[in-house]
Amino acid sequence: MKRGIGVAGLAALGGCAWAAGCAAPAAVTVMPVRLQKLSPASPLLHEFRPTACYAWVNDADQLCVGMNVRKRAFRTAFDREEFHLSLVLGPPPAGEGRTYVVTEQTVRARTRDGLTHTRFASVEGVALAWKDGPRRLSGRFQFRGIEQSYLVVLGWTNTRQILCVGEFKARWDRERGEPILRHTENDGMARDQNPHPRLAPRPNEGKATSGRIPGSGVN
């Protein structure tokens, strides 16, 4: 579900995952921005391949997309792998397609790898969506965002910048898509309550235990 790749994987940022034969309906690549220190062992990129992807129009006439993947080899907490991402874009595309401005409200995501939890939200970027026949919606996006990790003692902390790109082929299905969106907004990540996440915590906010993006004012 998730794998770290090195410098050679940078080529994937501009490529279409299914063009190389991948059957997954979506592909998302996340790159942590490390401008002060690099580890010789840590992956430069993280790649996710959601196995489910749905599109729908909500009651506010906004185009929404939800995608996820869950893997569990031995049914223990240590081998659970999950990725959930949602987008709320704006009015649905008319005609061939529509370009959207990505803001702080657009993207929410959560990941789990064993006992390691992360979450991220968009800050700014661009997205494109177009109708792909009567039953599907295709799209792609790229944005700058923020990511946090969860530590049992400290809570949500270790705020850092990320770059994220992705592509998807979604099936129209509101009933299956909305639970994914709700999951990504859990624990202080609701779009209407978290309008402007900050890129770095203030002094003394490193021990955040409230389960919120530091500086958002949301518990």
N, C-alpha and C. Protein backbone atom coordinates (compact mmCIF):
# COMPACT_ATOMS: atom_id res chain seq x y z
N MET A 1 0.83 -1.20 0.00
CA MET A 1 0.00 0.00 0.00
C MET A 1 0.86 1.24 0.00
N LYS A 2 1.88 1.26 0.82
CA LYS A 2 2.76 2.42 0.91
C LYS A 2 4.19 1.95 0.76
N ARG A 3 4.96 2.67 -0.04
CA ARG A 3 6.36 2.30 -0.13
C ARG A 3 7.20 3.54 -0.30
N GLY A 4 8.40 3.51 0.25
CA GLY A 4 9.32 4.61 0.10
C GLY A 4 10.22 4.35 -1.08
N ILE A 5 10.49 5.39 -1.87
CA ILE A 5 11.34 5.23 -3.03
C ILE A 5 12.37 6.34 -3.04
N GLY A 6 13.47 6.12 -3.72
CA GLY A 6 14.57 7.05 -3.73
C GLY A 6 14.48 8.04 -4.86
N VAL A 7 15.65 8.53 -5.27
CA VAL A 7 15.71 9.59 -6.27
C VAL A 7 15.09 9.14 -7.59
N ALA A 8 15.25 7.86 -7.94
CA ALA A 8 14.70 7.39 -9.20
C ALA A 8 13.19 7.53 -9.23
N GLY A 9 12.55 7.51 -8.05
CA GLY A 9 11.10 7.63 -8.00
C GLY A 9 10.59 9.02 -8.31
N LEU A 10 11.46 10.01 -8.37
CA LEU A 10 11.01 11.36 -8.68
C LEU A 10 10.33 11.42 -10.04
N ALA A 11 10.69 10.54 -10.95
CA ALA A 11 10.05 10.53 -12.26
C ALA A 11 8.57 10.23 -12.16
N ALA A 12 8.18 9.54 -11.10
CA ALA A 12 6.77 9.19 -10.95
C ALA A 12 5.91 10.40 -10.66
N LEU A 13 6.50 11.50 -10.22
CA LEU A 13 5.72 12.69 -9.91
C LEU A 13 4.97 13.21 -11.12
N GLY A 14 5.52 13.04 -12.29
CA GLY A 14 4.86 13.56 -13.47
C GLY A 14 4.19 12.51 -14.29
N GLY A 15 4.25 11.25 -13.88
CA GLY A 15 3.73 10.17 -14.69
C GLY A 15 2.39 9.68 -14.21
N CYS A 16 1.69 8.98 -15.08
CA CYS A 16 0.41 8.39 -14.75
C CYS A 16 0.63 6.95 -14.33
N ALA A 17 0.19 6.60 -13.13
CA ALA A 17 0.50 5.28 -12.59
C ALA A 17 -0.10 4.17 -13.43
N TRP A 18 -1.33 4.35 -13.89
CA TRP A 18 -1.94 3.25 -14.63
C TRP A 18 -1.43 3.15 -16.06
N ALA A 19 -0.72 4.15 -16.53
CA ALA A 19 -0.12 4.05 -17.86
C ALA A 19 0.92 2.96 -17.89
N ALA A 20 1.49 2.63 -16.74
CA ALA A 20 2.50 1.59 -16.66
C ALA A 20 1.88 0.24 -16.31
N GLY A 21 0.55 0.16 -16.36
CA GLY A 21 -0.10 -1.10 -16.13
C GLY A 21 -0.68 -1.28 -14.74
N CYS A 22 -0.68 -0.23 -13.94
CA CYS A 22 -1.24 -0.33 -12.60
C CYS A 22 -2.76 -0.31 -12.69
N ALA A 23 -3.42 -1.27 -12.03
CA ALA A 23 -4.86 -1.36 -12.09
C ALA A 23 -5.55 -0.52 -11.03
N ALA A 24 -4.80 0.06 -10.11
CA ALA A 24 -5.40 0.86 -9.05
C ALA A 24 -6.09 2.09 -9.63
N PRO A 25 -7.23 2.50 -9.05
CA PRO A 25 -7.95 3.66 -9.59
C PRO A 25 -7.34 5.00 -9.22
N ALA A 26 -6.30 4.99 -8.40
CA ALA A 26 -5.67 6.26 -8.00
C ALA A 26 -4.23 6.01 -7.60
N ALA A 27 -3.43 7.06 -7.67
CA ALA A 27 -2.03 7.02 -7.23
C ALA A 27 -1.70 8.37 -6.62
N VAL A 28 -1.10 8.35 -5.43
CA VAL A 28 -0.76 9.57 -4.71
C VAL A 28 0.68 9.47 -4.24
N THR A 29 1.46 10.53 -4.49
CA THR A 29 2.85 10.58 -4.06
C THR A 29 3.04 11.77 -3.12
N VAL A 30 3.63 11.52 -1.97
CA VAL A 30 3.88 12.55 -0.96
C VAL A 30 5.38 12.67 -0.73
N MET A 31 5.88 13.90 -0.79
CA MET A 31 7.30 14.15 -0.56
C MET A 31 7.46 15.11 0.61
N PRO A 32 7.99 14.65 1.75
CA PRO A 32 8.30 15.57 2.84
C PRO A 32 9.37 16.57 2.41
N VAL A 33 9.18 17.83 2.77
CA VAL A 33 10.14 18.87 2.42
C VAL A 33 11.12 19.02 3.58
N ARG A 34 12.35 18.58 3.34
CA ARG A 34 13.39 18.67 4.37
C ARG A 34 14.51 19.57 3.84
N LEU A 35 14.56 20.79 4.30
CA LEU A 35 15.52 21.76 3.79
C LEU A 35 16.71 21.96 4.73
N GLN A 36 16.69 21.34 5.89
CA GLN A 36 17.77 21.54 6.85
C GLN A 36 18.54 20.27 7.15
N LYS A 37 17.88 19.11 7.05
CA LYS A 37 18.56 17.87 7.42
C LYS A 37 17.95 16.71 6.66
N LEU A 38 18.82 15.81 6.14
CA LEU A 38 18.37 14.61 5.45
C LEU A 38 18.96 13.38 6.12
N SER A 39 18.19 12.31 6.10
CA SER A 39 18.67 11.03 6.62
C SER A 39 19.12 10.16 5.45
N PRO A 40 20.22 9.43 5.59
CA PRO A 40 20.65 8.55 4.50
C PRO A 40 19.72 7.38 4.28
N ALA A 41 18.86 7.07 5.25
CA ALA A 41 18.00 5.90 5.14
C ALA A 41 16.54 6.23 4.86
N SER A 42 16.07 7.40 5.28
CA SER A 42 14.66 7.74 5.11
C SER A 42 14.31 7.92 3.64
N PRO A 43 13.16 7.40 3.20
CA PRO A 43 12.76 7.57 1.80
C PRO A 43 12.46 9.02 1.48
N LEU A 44 12.79 9.43 0.26
CA LEU A 44 12.49 10.78 -0.17
C LEU A 44 11.02 10.95 -0.53
N LEU A 45 10.39 9.88 -0.96
CA LEU A 45 9.00 9.91 -1.38
C LEU A 45 8.23 8.77 -0.73
N HIS A 46 6.93 8.98 -0.57
CA HIS A 46 6.02 7.91 -0.14
C HIS A 46 4.92 7.80 -1.19
N GLU A 47 4.65 6.60 -1.61
CA GLU A 47 3.69 6.37 -2.68
C GLU A 47 2.53 5.53 -2.16
N PHE A 48 1.31 5.96 -2.47
CA PHE A 48 0.11 5.26 -2.05
C PHE A 48 -0.71 4.88 -3.28
N ARG A 49 -1.32 3.71 -3.25
CA ARG A 49 -2.16 3.24 -4.35
C ARG A 49 -3.55 2.88 -3.82
N PRO A 50 -4.44 3.83 -3.70
CA PRO A 50 -5.80 3.52 -3.25
C PRO A 50 -6.47 2.49 -4.15
N THR A 51 -7.21 1.58 -3.54
CA THR A 51 -7.92 0.55 -4.29
C THR A 51 -9.38 0.90 -4.50
N ALA A 52 -9.86 1.97 -3.86
CA ALA A 52 -11.23 2.43 -4.04
C ALA A 52 -11.20 3.94 -4.22
N CYS A 53 -12.02 4.45 -5.14
CA CYS A 53 -12.06 5.89 -5.40
C CYS A 53 -13.45 6.25 -5.90
N TYR A 54 -14.09 7.22 -5.24
CA TYR A 54 -15.47 7.57 -5.54
C TYR A 54 -15.62 9.08 -5.68
N ALA A 55 -16.55 9.49 -6.52
CA ALA A 55 -16.86 10.91 -6.73
C ALA A 55 -18.35 11.13 -6.51
N TRP A 56 -18.70 12.32 -6.07
CA TRP A 56 -20.09 12.68 -5.88
C TRP A 56 -20.20 14.19 -5.77
N VAL A 57 -21.42 14.69 -5.85
CA VAL A 57 -21.70 16.11 -5.67
C VAL A 57 -22.50 16.25 -4.38
N ASN A 58 -22.00 17.07 -3.44
CA ASN A 58 -22.68 17.18 -2.14
C ASN A 58 -23.85 18.15 -2.22
N ASP A 59 -24.50 18.37 -1.08
CA ASP A 59 -25.70 19.20 -1.05
C ASP A 59 -25.40 20.67 -1.35
N ALA A 60 -24.13 21.08 -1.23
CA ALA A 60 -23.74 22.45 -1.54
C ALA A 60 -23.27 22.58 -2.99
N ASP A 61 -23.55 21.57 -3.82
CA ASP A 61 -23.16 21.56 -5.23
C ASP A 61 -21.64 21.62 -5.40
N GLN A 62 -20.92 20.96 -4.51
CA GLN A 62 -19.46 20.87 -4.59
C GLN A 62 -19.06 19.46 -5.02
N LEU A 63 -18.14 19.40 -5.96
CA LEU A 63 -17.61 18.12 -6.39
C LEU A 63 -16.68 17.57 -5.31
N CYS A 64 -16.92 16.33 -4.91
CA CYS A 64 -16.11 15.68 -3.87
C CYS A 64 -15.53 14.38 -4.40
N VAL A 65 -14.35 14.04 -3.89
CA VAL A 65 -13.69 12.78 -4.24
C VAL A 65 -13.16 12.16 -2.96
N GLY A 66 -13.38 10.86 -2.80
CA GLY A 66 -12.83 10.13 -1.66
C GLY A 66 -12.15 8.86 -2.14
N MET A 67 -10.96 8.59 -1.62
CA MET A 67 -10.22 7.38 -2.01
C MET A 67 -9.57 6.77 -0.78
N ASN A 68 -9.41 5.45 -0.80
CA ASN A 68 -8.73 4.81 0.32
C ASN A 68 -8.22 3.42 -0.05
N VAL A 69 -7.42 2.88 0.85
CA VAL A 69 -6.94 1.50 0.76
C VAL A 69 -6.69 1.03 2.18
N ARG A 70 -7.04 -0.22 2.44
CA ARG A 70 -6.79 -0.84 3.75
C ARG A 70 -6.14 -2.20 3.51
N LYS A 71 -5.09 -2.48 4.27
CA LYS A 71 -4.43 -3.78 4.21
C LYS A 71 -4.18 -4.29 5.62
N ARG A 72 -4.42 -5.57 5.79
CA ARG A 72 -4.23 -6.16 7.11
C ARG A 72 -3.87 -7.63 6.91
N ALA A 73 -2.60 -7.95 7.07
CA ALA A 73 -2.13 -9.30 6.76
C ALA A 73 -2.48 -10.31 7.85
N PHE A 74 -2.27 -9.96 9.11
CA PHE A 74 -2.44 -10.93 10.19
C PHE A 74 -3.45 -10.47 11.25
N ARG A 75 -4.20 -9.43 10.95
CA ARG A 75 -5.25 -8.94 11.84
C ARG A 75 -4.72 -8.53 13.22
N THR A 76 -3.59 -7.88 13.22
CA THR A 76 -3.06 -7.30 14.44
C THR A 76 -2.85 -5.81 14.21
N ALA A 77 -2.68 -5.05 15.30
CA ALA A 77 -2.48 -3.60 15.17
C ALA A 77 -1.16 -3.28 14.49
N PHE A 78 -0.21 -4.21 14.52
CA PHE A 78 1.11 -3.93 13.99
C PHE A 78 1.19 -4.05 12.47
N ASP A 79 0.24 -4.73 11.84
CA ASP A 79 0.34 -4.93 10.40
C ASP A 79 -0.75 -4.19 9.63
N ARG A 80 -1.44 -3.27 10.29
CA ARG A 80 -2.48 -2.50 9.60
C ARG A 80 -1.86 -1.39 8.77
N GLU A 81 -2.27 -1.30 7.52
CA GLU A 81 -1.84 -0.22 6.64
C GLU A 81 -3.08 0.42 6.04
N GLU A 82 -3.18 1.73 6.17
CA GLU A 82 -4.36 2.44 5.67
C GLU A 82 -3.95 3.77 5.05
N PHE A 83 -4.74 4.19 4.07
CA PHE A 83 -4.58 5.51 3.48
C PHE A 83 -5.97 5.99 3.09
N HIS A 84 -6.32 7.20 3.53
CA HIS A 84 -7.63 7.79 3.23
C HIS A 84 -7.39 9.24 2.80
N LEU A 85 -7.98 9.66 1.70
CA LEU A 85 -7.82 11.04 1.22
C LEU A 85 -9.15 11.51 0.64
N SER A 86 -9.49 12.76 0.93
CA SER A 86 -10.70 13.36 0.37
C SER A 86 -10.39 14.73 -0.21
N LEU A 87 -11.12 15.08 -1.25
CA LEU A 87 -11.04 16.40 -1.87
C LEU A 87 -12.44 16.99 -1.95
N VAL A 88 -12.57 18.27 -1.63
CA VAL A 88 -13.78 19.04 -1.86
C VAL A 88 -13.38 20.18 -2.79
N LEU A 89 -13.84 20.14 -4.03
CA LEU A 89 -13.25 20.99 -5.07
C LEU A 89 -14.07 22.23 -5.41
N GLY A 90 -15.37 22.10 -5.61
CA GLY A 90 -16.18 23.22 -6.07
C GLY A 90 -17.24 22.70 -7.03
N PRO A 91 -17.83 23.56 -7.84
CA PRO A 91 -18.86 23.11 -8.77
C PRO A 91 -18.34 22.00 -9.68
N PRO A 92 -19.17 21.01 -10.01
CA PRO A 92 -18.72 19.92 -10.88
C PRO A 92 -18.37 20.43 -12.27
N PRO A 93 -17.50 19.73 -12.99
CA PRO A 93 -17.09 20.19 -14.31
C PRO A 93 -18.24 20.16 -15.30
N ALA A 94 -18.29 21.19 -16.13
CA ALA A 94 -19.25 21.24 -17.22
C ALA A 94 -18.47 21.11 -18.52
N GLY A 95 -18.94 20.29 -19.42
CA GLY A 95 -18.20 20.08 -20.65
C GLY A 95 -17.02 19.17 -20.43
N GLU A 96 -15.87 19.55 -20.96
CA GLU A 96 -14.71 18.66 -20.94
C GLU A 96 -14.01 18.60 -19.59
N GLY A 97 -14.02 19.69 -18.82
CA GLY A 97 -13.33 19.64 -17.54
C GLY A 97 -13.30 20.99 -16.87
N ARG A 98 -12.74 21.01 -15.66
CA ARG A 98 -12.65 22.24 -14.89
C ARG A 98 -11.38 22.22 -14.05
N THR A 99 -10.74 23.39 -13.96
CA THR A 99 -9.56 23.56 -13.11
C THR A 99 -9.99 24.21 -11.80
N TYR A 100 -9.45 23.72 -10.70
CA TYR A 100 -9.81 24.20 -9.37
C TYR A 100 -8.57 24.72 -8.64
N VAL A 101 -8.75 25.77 -7.87
CA VAL A 101 -7.70 26.25 -6.99
C VAL A 101 -7.76 25.45 -5.69
N VAL A 102 -6.66 24.84 -5.31
CA VAL A 102 -6.58 24.09 -4.06
C VAL A 102 -6.26 25.06 -2.93
N THR A 103 -7.07 25.04 -1.88
CA THR A 103 -6.89 25.91 -0.72
C THR A 103 -6.74 25.06 0.55
N GLU A 104 -6.77 25.73 1.70
CA GLU A 104 -6.69 25.02 2.97
C GLU A 104 -7.87 24.09 3.21
N GLN A 105 -8.97 24.33 2.48
CA GLN A 105 -10.18 23.53 2.67
C GLN A 105 -10.26 22.32 1.74
N THR A 106 -9.39 22.20 0.79
CA THR A 106 -9.59 21.23 -0.29
C THR A 106 -9.28 19.80 0.09
N VAL A 107 -8.12 19.54 0.66
CA VAL A 107 -7.65 18.17 0.86
C VAL A 107 -7.49 17.85 2.35
N ARG A 108 -7.95 16.68 2.72
CA ARG A 108 -7.67 16.10 4.04
C ARG A 108 -7.26 14.64 3.81
N ALA A 109 -6.29 14.17 4.59
CA ALA A 109 -5.83 12.79 4.43
C ALA A 109 -5.32 12.24 5.75
N ARG A 110 -5.42 10.92 5.89
CA ARG A 110 -4.91 10.21 7.06
C ARG A 110 -4.23 8.93 6.59
N THR A 111 -3.14 8.57 7.24
CA THR A 111 -2.45 7.33 6.92
C THR A 111 -2.14 6.57 8.20
N ARG A 112 -1.98 5.27 8.03
CA ARG A 112 -1.56 4.43 9.16
C ARG A 112 -0.65 3.34 8.62
N ASP A 113 0.47 3.14 9.29
CA ASP A 113 1.41 2.07 8.97
C ASP A 113 1.79 1.40 10.28
N GLY A 114 1.11 0.31 10.61
CA GLY A 114 1.30 -0.30 11.91
C GLY A 114 0.78 0.61 13.00
N LEU A 115 1.64 0.99 13.93
CA LEU A 115 1.25 1.90 15.00
C LEU A 115 1.57 3.35 14.69
N THR A 116 2.08 3.63 13.50
CA THR A 116 2.44 4.99 13.10
C THR A 116 1.27 5.64 12.37
N HIS A 117 0.82 6.78 12.86
CA HIS A 117 -0.28 7.51 12.26
C HIS A 117 0.23 8.86 11.74
N THR A 118 -0.24 9.27 10.57
CA THR A 118 0.04 10.62 10.06
C THR A 118 -1.25 11.19 9.49
N ARG A 119 -1.27 12.49 9.36
CA ARG A 119 -2.38 13.17 8.71
C ARG A 119 -1.83 14.39 8.00
N PHE A 120 -2.49 14.80 6.92
CA PHE A 120 -2.04 16.01 6.25
C PHE A 120 -3.21 16.74 5.62
N ALA A 121 -2.99 18.03 5.37
CA ALA A 121 -3.98 18.92 4.79
C ALA A 121 -3.31 19.81 3.76
N SER A 122 -4.08 20.23 2.78
CA SER A 122 -3.55 21.10 1.73
C SER A 122 -3.42 22.53 2.23
N VAL A 123 -2.52 23.28 1.59
CA VAL A 123 -2.38 24.71 1.83
C VAL A 123 -2.66 25.49 0.55
N GLU A 124 -2.00 25.11 -0.53
CA GLU A 124 -2.26 25.77 -1.81
C GLU A 124 -1.84 24.85 -2.93
N GLY A 125 -2.51 24.99 -4.09
CA GLY A 125 -2.16 24.17 -5.23
C GLY A 125 -3.22 24.27 -6.31
N VAL A 126 -3.30 23.23 -7.14
CA VAL A 126 -4.22 23.23 -8.27
C VAL A 126 -4.73 21.81 -8.49
N ALA A 127 -5.95 21.70 -9.00
CA ALA A 127 -6.53 20.40 -9.32
C ALA A 127 -7.29 20.52 -10.63
N LEU A 128 -7.42 19.41 -11.31
CA LEU A 128 -8.14 19.34 -12.58
C LEU A 128 -9.04 18.12 -12.54
N ALA A 129 -10.29 18.26 -12.97
CA ALA A 129 -11.22 17.13 -13.03
C ALA A 129 -12.02 17.20 -14.32
N TRP A 130 -12.29 16.03 -14.89
CA TRP A 130 -13.07 15.97 -16.12
C TRP A 130 -13.91 14.70 -16.14
N LYS A 131 -15.05 14.77 -16.81
CA LYS A 131 -15.93 13.61 -16.93
C LYS A 131 -15.29 12.60 -17.89
N ASP A 132 -15.23 11.36 -17.43
CA ASP A 132 -14.60 10.29 -18.20
C ASP A 132 -15.66 9.25 -18.53
N GLY A 133 -16.58 9.62 -19.42
CA GLY A 133 -17.71 8.75 -19.71
C GLY A 133 -18.84 8.98 -18.73
N PRO A 134 -19.93 8.23 -18.86
CA PRO A 134 -21.11 8.47 -18.02
C PRO A 134 -20.95 8.02 -16.57
N ARG A 135 -19.99 7.15 -16.28
CA ARG A 135 -19.91 6.57 -14.95
C ARG A 135 -18.64 6.94 -14.19
N ARG A 136 -17.76 7.70 -14.80
CA ARG A 136 -16.47 7.95 -14.13
C ARG A 136 -16.08 9.43 -14.22
N LEU A 137 -15.25 9.81 -13.25
CA LEU A 137 -14.65 11.13 -13.21
C LEU A 137 -13.14 10.93 -13.07
N SER A 138 -12.38 11.56 -13.93
CA SER A 138 -10.92 11.50 -13.85
C SER A 138 -10.38 12.84 -13.38
N GLY A 139 -9.21 12.81 -12.78
CA GLY A 139 -8.62 14.06 -12.32
C GLY A 139 -7.18 13.89 -11.86
N ARG A 140 -6.58 15.01 -11.56
CA ARG A 140 -5.21 15.04 -11.04
C ARG A 140 -5.06 16.28 -10.18
N PHE A 141 -4.07 16.26 -9.31
CA PHE A 141 -3.87 17.40 -8.41
C PHE A 141 -2.42 17.47 -7.99
N GLN A 142 -2.02 18.66 -7.60
CA GLN A 142 -0.72 18.86 -6.96
C GLN A 142 -0.85 20.04 -6.00
N PHE A 143 -0.24 19.88 -4.82
CA PHE A 143 -0.39 20.94 -3.83
C PHE A 143 0.73 20.89 -2.82
N ARG A 144 0.90 22.00 -2.16
CA ARG A 144 1.76 22.10 -0.98
C ARG A 144 0.88 21.96 0.24
N GLY A 145 1.35 21.23 1.24
CA GLY A 145 0.52 21.02 2.42
C GLY A 145 1.34 20.89 3.68
N ILE A 146 0.67 20.50 4.76
CA ILE A 146 1.34 20.24 6.02
C ILE A 146 0.98 18.84 6.49
N GLU A 147 1.90 18.21 7.20
CA GLU A 147 1.71 16.85 7.69
C GLU A 147 2.10 16.80 9.16
N GLN A 148 1.41 15.95 9.90
CA GLN A 148 1.75 15.71 11.30
C GLN A 148 1.81 14.22 11.57
N SER A 149 2.60 13.84 12.56
CA SER A 149 2.68 12.46 13.03
C SER A 149 2.09 12.39 14.43
N TYR A 150 1.59 11.20 14.77
CA TYR A 150 1.00 11.00 16.09
C TYR A 150 1.94 10.18 16.96
N LEU A 151 2.24 10.72 18.14
CA LEU A 151 3.04 10.01 19.13
C LEU A 151 2.20 9.84 20.39
N VAL A 152 2.26 8.67 21.00
CA VAL A 152 1.40 8.37 22.14
C VAL A 152 1.60 9.39 23.26
N VAL A 153 2.84 9.78 23.53
CA VAL A 153 3.12 10.70 24.63
C VAL A 153 2.79 12.14 24.27
N LEU A 154 3.09 12.53 23.04
CA LEU A 154 2.98 13.94 22.64
C LEU A 154 1.70 14.26 21.90
N GLY A 155 1.00 13.28 21.38
CA GLY A 155 -0.17 13.54 20.56
C GLY A 155 0.25 13.90 19.14
N TRP A 156 -0.55 14.72 18.47
CA TRP A 156 -0.23 15.15 17.10
C TRP A 156 0.85 16.22 17.16
N THR A 157 1.98 15.94 16.55
CA THR A 157 3.12 16.85 16.61
C THR A 157 3.99 16.65 15.37
N ASN A 158 5.20 17.20 15.40
CA ASN A 158 6.15 17.06 14.30
C ASN A 158 5.58 17.60 12.99
N THR A 159 5.07 18.83 13.05
CA THR A 159 4.49 19.46 11.87
C THR A 159 5.56 19.77 10.84
N ARG A 160 5.32 19.39 9.59
CA ARG A 160 6.30 19.63 8.53
C ARG A 160 5.57 19.86 7.21
N GLN A 161 6.29 20.50 6.29
CA GLN A 161 5.74 20.76 4.97
C GLN A 161 5.87 19.52 4.09
N ILE A 162 4.92 19.39 3.15
CA ILE A 162 4.97 18.32 2.17
C ILE A 162 4.60 18.87 0.80
N LEU A 163 5.00 18.16 -0.22
CA LEU A 163 4.49 18.34 -1.57
C LEU A 163 3.76 17.07 -1.94
N CYS A 164 2.61 17.20 -2.59
CA CYS A 164 1.79 16.03 -2.92
C CYS A 164 1.25 16.15 -4.33
N VAL A 165 1.30 15.05 -5.08
CA VAL A 165 0.69 14.98 -6.40
C VAL A 165 -0.12 13.69 -6.48
N GLY A 166 -1.14 13.69 -7.32
CA GLY A 166 -1.94 12.49 -7.46
C GLY A 166 -2.81 12.51 -8.69
N GLU A 167 -3.27 11.33 -9.06
CA GLU A 167 -4.20 11.16 -10.17
C GLU A 167 -5.25 10.15 -9.75
N PHE A 168 -6.43 10.23 -10.37
CA PHE A 168 -7.48 9.29 -9.99
C PHE A 168 -8.46 9.07 -11.14
N LYS A 169 -9.12 7.93 -11.08
CA LYS A 169 -10.26 7.60 -11.92
C LYS A 169 -11.36 7.14 -10.97
N ALA A 170 -12.29 8.03 -10.68
CA ALA A 170 -13.29 7.77 -9.65
C ALA A 170 -14.61 7.29 -10.26
N ARG A 171 -15.28 6.44 -9.51
CA ARG A 171 -16.62 5.99 -9.87
C ARG A 171 -17.64 6.84 -9.11
N TRP A 172 -18.72 7.23 -9.77
CA TRP A 172 -19.73 8.05 -9.11
C TRP A 172 -20.46 7.20 -8.07
N ASP A 173 -20.30 7.52 -6.81
CA ASP A 173 -20.95 6.76 -5.74
C ASP A 173 -20.86 7.55 -4.44
N ARG A 174 -21.87 8.33 -4.17
CA ARG A 174 -21.87 9.17 -2.96
C ARG A 174 -21.94 8.34 -1.69
N GLU A 175 -22.72 7.27 -1.71
CA GLU A 175 -22.90 6.45 -0.52
C GLU A 175 -21.59 5.86 -0.02
N ARG A 176 -20.72 5.45 -0.94
CA ARG A 176 -19.43 4.88 -0.55
C ARG A 176 -18.37 5.95 -0.31
N GLY A 177 -18.52 7.09 -0.95
CA GLY A 177 -17.50 8.13 -0.84
C GLY A 177 -17.58 8.96 0.43
N GLU A 178 -18.79 9.26 0.88
CA GLU A 178 -18.94 10.15 2.04
C GLU A 178 -18.31 9.60 3.32
N PRO A 179 -18.37 8.30 3.61
CA PRO A 179 -17.68 7.80 4.82
C PRO A 179 -16.17 8.04 4.79
N ILE A 180 -15.57 8.00 3.61
CA ILE A 180 -14.14 8.28 3.49
C ILE A 180 -13.88 9.73 3.86
N LEU A 181 -14.70 10.64 3.33
CA LEU A 181 -14.53 12.06 3.63
C LEU A 181 -14.68 12.32 5.13
N ARG A 182 -15.69 11.72 5.74
CA ARG A 182 -15.90 11.94 7.18
C ARG A 182 -14.71 11.43 7.99
N HIS A 183 -14.14 10.30 7.58
CA HIS A 183 -12.99 9.76 8.30
C HIS A 183 -11.79 10.71 8.24
N THR A 184 -11.58 11.33 7.08
CA THR A 184 -10.43 12.24 6.96
C THR A 184 -10.62 13.52 7.77
N GLU A 185 -11.85 13.84 8.14
CA GLU A 185 -12.11 15.06 8.91
C GLU A 185 -12.19 14.81 10.41
N ASN A 186 -11.95 13.59 10.85
CA ASN A 186 -11.99 13.28 12.28
C ASN A 186 -10.86 13.98 13.04
N ASP A 187 -11.04 14.10 14.34
CA ASP A 187 -9.98 14.53 15.25
C ASP A 187 -9.45 15.93 14.93
N GLY A 188 -10.38 16.88 14.79
CA GLY A 188 -9.98 18.27 14.59
C GLY A 188 -9.60 18.65 13.19
N MET A 189 -9.92 17.81 12.20
CA MET A 189 -9.54 18.12 10.82
C MET A 189 -10.73 18.55 9.96
N ALA A 190 -11.87 18.86 10.58
CA ALA A 190 -13.03 19.29 9.82
C ALA A 190 -12.72 20.56 9.04
N ARG A 191 -13.18 20.61 7.81
CA ARG A 191 -12.86 21.75 6.95
C ARG A 191 -13.43 23.05 7.47
N ASP A 192 -14.62 23.02 8.05
CA ASP A 192 -15.22 24.27 8.51
C ASP A 192 -14.66 24.72 9.85
N GLN A 193 -13.82 23.89 10.50
CA GLN A 193 -13.24 24.26 11.79
C GLN A 193 -11.74 24.48 11.72
N ASN A 194 -11.15 24.26 10.58
CA ASN A 194 -9.68 24.32 10.48
C ASN A 194 -9.31 25.15 9.25
N PRO A 195 -9.62 26.45 9.26
CA PRO A 195 -9.53 27.24 8.03
C PRO A 195 -8.12 27.53 7.55
N HIS A 196 -7.14 27.60 8.45
CA HIS A 196 -5.82 28.02 7.99
C HIS A 196 -4.73 27.36 8.82
N PRO A 197 -4.43 26.08 8.58
CA PRO A 197 -3.36 25.43 9.34
C PRO A 197 -2.02 26.09 9.08
N ARG A 198 -1.23 26.25 10.16
CA ARG A 198 0.05 26.91 10.03
C ARG A 198 1.15 25.89 9.73
N LEU A 199 2.22 26.33 9.09
CA LEU A 199 3.26 25.43 8.63
C LEU A 199 4.19 24.97 9.72
N ALA A 200 4.28 25.66 10.83
CA ALA A 200 5.20 25.26 11.90
C ALA A 200 4.63 25.67 13.24
N PRO A 201 4.81 24.86 14.28
CA PRO A 201 4.29 25.22 15.60
C PRO A 201 5.09 26.35 16.22
N ARG A 202 4.43 27.12 17.06
CA ARG A 202 5.12 28.14 17.83
C ARG A 202 5.94 27.49 18.93
N PRO A 203 6.87 28.23 19.55
CA PRO A 203 7.59 27.68 20.70
C PRO A 203 6.62 27.19 21.76
N ASN A 204 6.99 26.08 22.42
CA ASN A 204 6.19 25.45 23.47
C ASN A 204 4.97 24.72 22.94
N GLU A 205 4.80 24.64 21.60
CA GLU A 205 3.69 23.88 21.06
C GLU A 205 4.15 22.51 20.57
N GLY A 206 5.40 22.17 20.78
CA GLY A 206 5.90 20.88 20.33
C GLY A 206 5.26 19.73 21.07
N LYS A 207 4.76 19.98 22.30
CA LYS A 207 4.12 18.92 23.06
C LYS A 207 2.60 19.02 22.94
N ALA A 208 2.14 19.10 21.71
CA ALA A 208 0.70 19.20 21.48
C ALA A 208 0.04 17.88 21.82
N THR A 209 -0.96 17.93 22.69
CA THR A 209 -1.67 16.72 23.08
C THR A 209 -3.16 16.84 22.79
N SER A 210 -3.57 17.92 22.16
CA SER A 210 -4.99 18.16 21.98
C SER A 210 -5.54 17.53 20.72
N GLY A 211 -4.71 16.91 19.89
CA GLY A 211 -5.21 16.31 18.66
C GLY A 211 -5.63 17.33 17.64
N ARG A 212 -4.88 18.41 17.50
CA ARG A 212 -5.23 19.44 16.53
C ARG A 212 -3.99 19.88 15.78
N ILE A 213 -4.19 20.50 14.64
CA ILE A 213 -3.10 21.14 13.94
C ILE A 213 -2.66 22.33 14.78
N PRO A 214 -1.38 22.44 15.18
CA PRO A 214 -0.95 23.56 16.02
C PRO A 214 -1.30 24.90 15.38
N GLY A 215 -1.91 25.78 16.17
CA GLY A 215 -2.24 27.11 15.69
C GLY A 215 -3.60 27.20 15.04
N SER A 216 -4.29 26.06 14.87
CA SER A 216 -5.58 26.12 14.19
C SER A 216 -6.69 26.58 15.13
N GLY A 217 -6.46 26.43 16.45
CA GLY A 217 -7.49 26.79 17.40
C GLY A 217 -8.57 25.75 17.53
N VAL A 218 -8.34 24.55 16.99
CA VAL A 218 -9.35 23.51 17.01
C VAL A 218 -8.92 22.39 17.93
N ASN A 219 -9.75 21.99 18.83
CA ASN A 219 -9.45 20.87 19.72
C ASN A 219 -10.01 19.58 19.15
